[in-house]
């Protein structure tokens, strides 16, 4: 097994990083966490149905982990 394959395998076996509620995710990170494409992430935020955003700069937004958790909780429904 090559060194690159070993690194890839160890990354797959590593536990997921712990996310703190106060941590702010970039849009791409949030999309990955939510399991949606970037296009869908932008559509969700533009429609106003997504989590509350944090304005990081004039052109950049983020989503706090706490806001993501609240958004997910609001979307849960009984089956």
N, C-alpha and C. Protein backbone atom coordinates (compact mmCIF):
# COMPACT_ATOMS: atom_id res chain seq x y z
N UNK A 1 0.85 -1.18 0.00
CA UNK A 1 0.00 0.00 0.00
C UNK A 1 0.89 1.23 0.00
N UNK A 2 0.60 2.17 -0.88
CA UNK A 2 1.42 3.37 -0.99
C UNK A 2 1.16 4.29 0.20
N UNK A 3 2.05 5.25 0.38
CA UNK A 3 1.93 6.19 1.48
C UNK A 3 0.64 7.00 1.35
N UNK A 4 0.30 7.41 0.12
CA UNK A 4 -0.92 8.17 -0.11
C UNK A 4 -2.15 7.34 0.24
N UNK A 5 -2.15 6.06 -0.12
CA UNK A 5 -3.27 5.20 0.20
C UNK A 5 -3.39 5.00 1.71
N UNK A 6 -2.26 4.91 2.40
CA UNK A 6 -2.27 4.76 3.86
C UNK A 6 -2.85 6.01 4.52
N UNK A 7 -2.47 7.20 4.02
CA UNK A 7 -2.99 8.44 4.57
C UNK A 7 -4.49 8.53 4.34
N UNK A 8 -4.92 8.14 3.15
CA UNK A 8 -6.35 8.18 2.82
C UNK A 8 -7.11 7.22 3.74
N UNK A 9 -6.58 6.02 3.95
CA UNK A 9 -7.24 5.03 4.80
C UNK A 9 -7.31 5.51 6.24
N UNK A 10 -6.23 6.13 6.74
CA UNK A 10 -6.25 6.62 8.12
C UNK A 10 -7.23 7.77 8.27
N UNK A 11 -7.38 8.59 7.23
CA UNK A 11 -8.35 9.69 7.27
C UNK A 11 -9.78 9.14 7.31
N UNK A 12 -10.03 8.05 6.61
CA UNK A 12 -11.35 7.44 6.62
C UNK A 12 -11.68 6.83 7.98
N UNK A 13 -10.66 6.32 8.67
CA UNK A 13 -10.87 5.68 9.96
C UNK A 13 -10.88 6.68 11.12
N UNK A 14 -10.47 7.91 10.88
CA UNK A 14 -10.41 8.91 11.94
C UNK A 14 -11.82 9.33 12.35
N UNK A 15 -12.02 9.61 13.63
CA UNK A 15 -13.34 10.06 14.05
C UNK A 15 -13.64 11.44 13.50
N UNK A 16 -14.91 11.76 13.28
CA UNK A 16 -15.23 13.10 12.76
C UNK A 16 -14.83 14.17 13.77
N UNK A 17 -14.46 15.35 13.30
CA UNK A 17 -14.06 16.41 14.22
C UNK A 17 -15.24 16.87 15.06
N UNK A 18 -14.95 17.28 16.27
CA UNK A 18 -15.99 17.80 17.15
C UNK A 18 -16.29 19.23 16.75
N UNK A 19 -17.55 19.52 16.57
CA UNK A 19 -17.97 20.87 16.19
C UNK A 19 -18.57 21.55 17.41
N UNK A 20 -18.10 22.74 17.70
CA UNK A 20 -18.61 23.53 18.81
C UNK A 20 -19.77 24.39 18.32
N UNK A 21 -20.77 24.62 19.18
CA UNK A 21 -21.94 25.40 18.77
C UNK A 21 -21.57 26.80 18.29
N UNK A 22 -20.54 27.40 18.87
CA UNK A 22 -20.16 28.76 18.50
C UNK A 22 -19.33 28.81 17.22
N UNK A 23 -18.92 27.66 16.73
CA UNK A 23 -18.09 27.61 15.52
C UNK A 23 -18.91 28.03 14.30
N UNK A 24 -18.31 28.83 13.44
CA UNK A 24 -18.98 29.29 12.22
C UNK A 24 -18.40 28.53 11.04
N UNK A 25 -19.29 27.92 10.27
CA UNK A 25 -18.89 27.15 9.11
C UNK A 25 -19.00 28.00 7.86
N UNK A 26 -18.05 27.82 6.94
CA UNK A 26 -18.18 28.45 5.63
C UNK A 26 -19.31 27.75 4.89
N UNK A 27 -19.82 28.40 3.87
CA UNK A 27 -20.96 27.86 3.13
C UNK A 27 -20.69 26.45 2.63
N UNK A 28 -19.53 26.23 2.07
CA UNK A 28 -19.19 24.90 1.54
C UNK A 28 -19.18 23.86 2.67
N UNK A 29 -18.63 24.22 3.81
CA UNK A 29 -18.59 23.29 4.95
C UNK A 29 -20.00 22.97 5.41
N UNK A 30 -20.85 24.00 5.46
CA UNK A 30 -22.23 23.76 5.89
C UNK A 30 -22.97 22.87 4.89
N UNK A 31 -22.76 23.11 3.61
CA UNK A 31 -23.41 22.29 2.59
C UNK A 31 -23.01 20.83 2.75
N UNK A 32 -21.73 20.58 3.00
CA UNK A 32 -21.27 19.21 3.20
C UNK A 32 -21.90 18.60 4.44
N UNK A 33 -21.95 19.37 5.52
CA UNK A 33 -22.54 18.89 6.77
C UNK A 33 -24.03 18.60 6.59
N UNK A 34 -24.72 19.44 5.86
CA UNK A 34 -26.16 19.27 5.62
C UNK A 34 -26.44 18.20 4.57
N UNK A 35 -25.42 17.82 3.81
CA UNK A 35 -25.60 16.78 2.80
C UNK A 35 -26.29 17.28 1.54
N UNK A 36 -26.06 18.56 1.22
CA UNK A 36 -26.66 19.14 0.03
C UNK A 36 -25.58 19.72 -0.87
N UNK A 37 -25.92 19.93 -2.12
CA UNK A 37 -24.97 20.53 -3.05
C UNK A 37 -24.85 22.02 -2.75
N UNK A 38 -23.83 22.66 -3.30
CA UNK A 38 -23.67 24.10 -3.12
C UNK A 38 -24.86 24.85 -3.73
N UNK A 39 -25.34 24.40 -4.86
CA UNK A 39 -26.48 25.06 -5.50
C UNK A 39 -27.70 24.99 -4.60
N UNK A 40 -27.96 23.82 -4.04
CA UNK A 40 -29.10 23.66 -3.14
C UNK A 40 -28.91 24.48 -1.87
N UNK A 41 -27.69 24.52 -1.35
CA UNK A 41 -27.41 25.32 -0.15
C UNK A 41 -27.72 26.79 -0.40
N UNK A 42 -27.29 27.30 -1.53
CA UNK A 42 -27.58 28.70 -1.87
C UNK A 42 -29.08 28.93 -2.02
N UNK A 43 -29.76 27.97 -2.64
CA UNK A 43 -31.20 28.08 -2.84
C UNK A 43 -31.94 28.08 -1.49
N UNK A 44 -31.52 27.23 -0.58
CA UNK A 44 -32.14 27.17 0.75
C UNK A 44 -31.97 28.50 1.48
N UNK A 45 -30.75 29.04 1.44
CA UNK A 45 -30.49 30.30 2.13
C UNK A 45 -31.23 31.46 1.46
N UNK A 46 -31.27 31.48 0.14
CA UNK A 46 -31.93 32.57 -0.58
C UNK A 46 -33.44 32.57 -0.35
N UNK A 47 -34.01 31.39 -0.13
CA UNK A 47 -35.46 31.29 0.07
C UNK A 47 -35.86 31.70 1.48
N UNK A 48 -34.89 31.80 2.37
CA UNK A 48 -35.19 32.17 3.75
C UNK A 48 -35.62 31.00 4.62
N UNK A 49 -35.54 29.79 4.10
CA UNK A 49 -35.95 28.61 4.87
C UNK A 49 -34.79 27.90 5.54
N UNK A 50 -33.59 28.41 5.36
CA UNK A 50 -32.41 27.77 5.93
C UNK A 50 -32.08 28.30 7.31
N UNK A 51 -30.95 27.90 7.83
CA UNK A 51 -30.54 28.38 9.15
C UNK A 51 -30.15 29.86 9.10
N UNK A 52 -30.12 30.49 10.25
CA UNK A 52 -29.70 31.88 10.32
C UNK A 52 -28.24 31.97 9.89
N UNK A 53 -27.93 33.02 9.15
CA UNK A 53 -26.57 33.18 8.65
C UNK A 53 -25.82 34.24 9.44
N UNK A 54 -24.50 34.15 9.37
CA UNK A 54 -23.61 35.13 9.96
C UNK A 54 -22.93 35.83 8.80
N UNK A 55 -23.03 37.14 8.73
CA UNK A 55 -22.38 37.90 7.65
C UNK A 55 -20.91 38.06 8.02
N UNK A 56 -20.02 37.34 7.35
CA UNK A 56 -18.60 37.37 7.66
C UNK A 56 -17.89 38.56 7.01
N UNK A 57 -18.35 38.94 5.84
CA UNK A 57 -17.83 40.11 5.15
C UNK A 57 -18.92 40.56 4.18
N UNK A 58 -18.61 41.55 3.37
CA UNK A 58 -19.64 42.04 2.45
C UNK A 58 -20.08 40.98 1.43
N UNK A 59 -19.22 40.02 1.15
CA UNK A 59 -19.53 39.00 0.15
C UNK A 59 -19.56 37.58 0.69
N UNK A 60 -19.33 37.43 1.98
CA UNK A 60 -19.17 36.09 2.53
C UNK A 60 -20.09 35.86 3.72
N UNK A 61 -20.76 34.71 3.72
CA UNK A 61 -21.62 34.34 4.84
C UNK A 61 -21.16 33.02 5.44
N UNK A 62 -21.59 32.80 6.66
CA UNK A 62 -21.31 31.55 7.34
C UNK A 62 -22.54 31.14 8.13
N UNK A 63 -22.51 29.93 8.63
CA UNK A 63 -23.60 29.40 9.44
C UNK A 63 -22.99 28.81 10.69
N UNK A 64 -23.49 29.23 11.85
CA UNK A 64 -22.96 28.67 13.09
C UNK A 64 -23.48 27.24 13.26
N UNK A 65 -22.72 26.45 13.97
CA UNK A 65 -23.13 25.07 14.22
C UNK A 65 -24.44 25.06 15.01
N UNK A 66 -24.59 26.00 15.95
CA UNK A 66 -25.83 26.09 16.73
C UNK A 66 -27.03 26.38 15.82
N UNK A 67 -26.87 27.29 14.87
CA UNK A 67 -27.95 27.61 13.94
C UNK A 67 -28.29 26.40 13.07
N UNK A 68 -27.28 25.66 12.68
CA UNK A 68 -27.50 24.44 11.88
C UNK A 68 -28.31 23.43 12.68
N UNK A 69 -27.96 23.23 13.95
CA UNK A 69 -28.68 22.28 14.81
C UNK A 69 -30.13 22.71 15.00
N UNK A 70 -30.35 24.01 15.21
CA UNK A 70 -31.72 24.52 15.37
C UNK A 70 -32.52 24.32 14.09
N UNK A 71 -31.90 24.57 12.96
CA UNK A 71 -32.56 24.39 11.67
C UNK A 71 -32.95 22.92 11.47
N UNK A 72 -32.03 22.02 11.80
CA UNK A 72 -32.35 20.59 11.65
C UNK A 72 -33.49 20.18 12.58
N UNK A 73 -33.46 20.67 13.82
CA UNK A 73 -34.51 20.33 14.77
C UNK A 73 -35.88 20.81 14.29
N UNK A 74 -35.90 21.98 13.67
CA UNK A 74 -37.15 22.54 13.17
C UNK A 74 -37.67 21.75 11.97
N UNK A 75 -36.80 21.06 11.27
CA UNK A 75 -37.20 20.30 10.09
C UNK A 75 -37.62 18.87 10.42
N UNK A 76 -37.38 18.42 11.66
CA UNK A 76 -37.74 17.06 12.04
C UNK A 76 -39.26 16.93 12.09
N UNK A 77 -39.72 15.76 11.74
CA UNK A 77 -41.14 15.49 11.81
C UNK A 77 -41.35 14.02 12.18
N UNK A 78 -42.48 13.75 12.75
CA UNK A 78 -42.80 12.38 13.10
C UNK A 78 -43.18 11.61 11.83
N UNK A 79 -42.78 10.37 11.78
CA UNK A 79 -43.11 9.58 10.58
C UNK A 79 -44.35 8.76 10.76
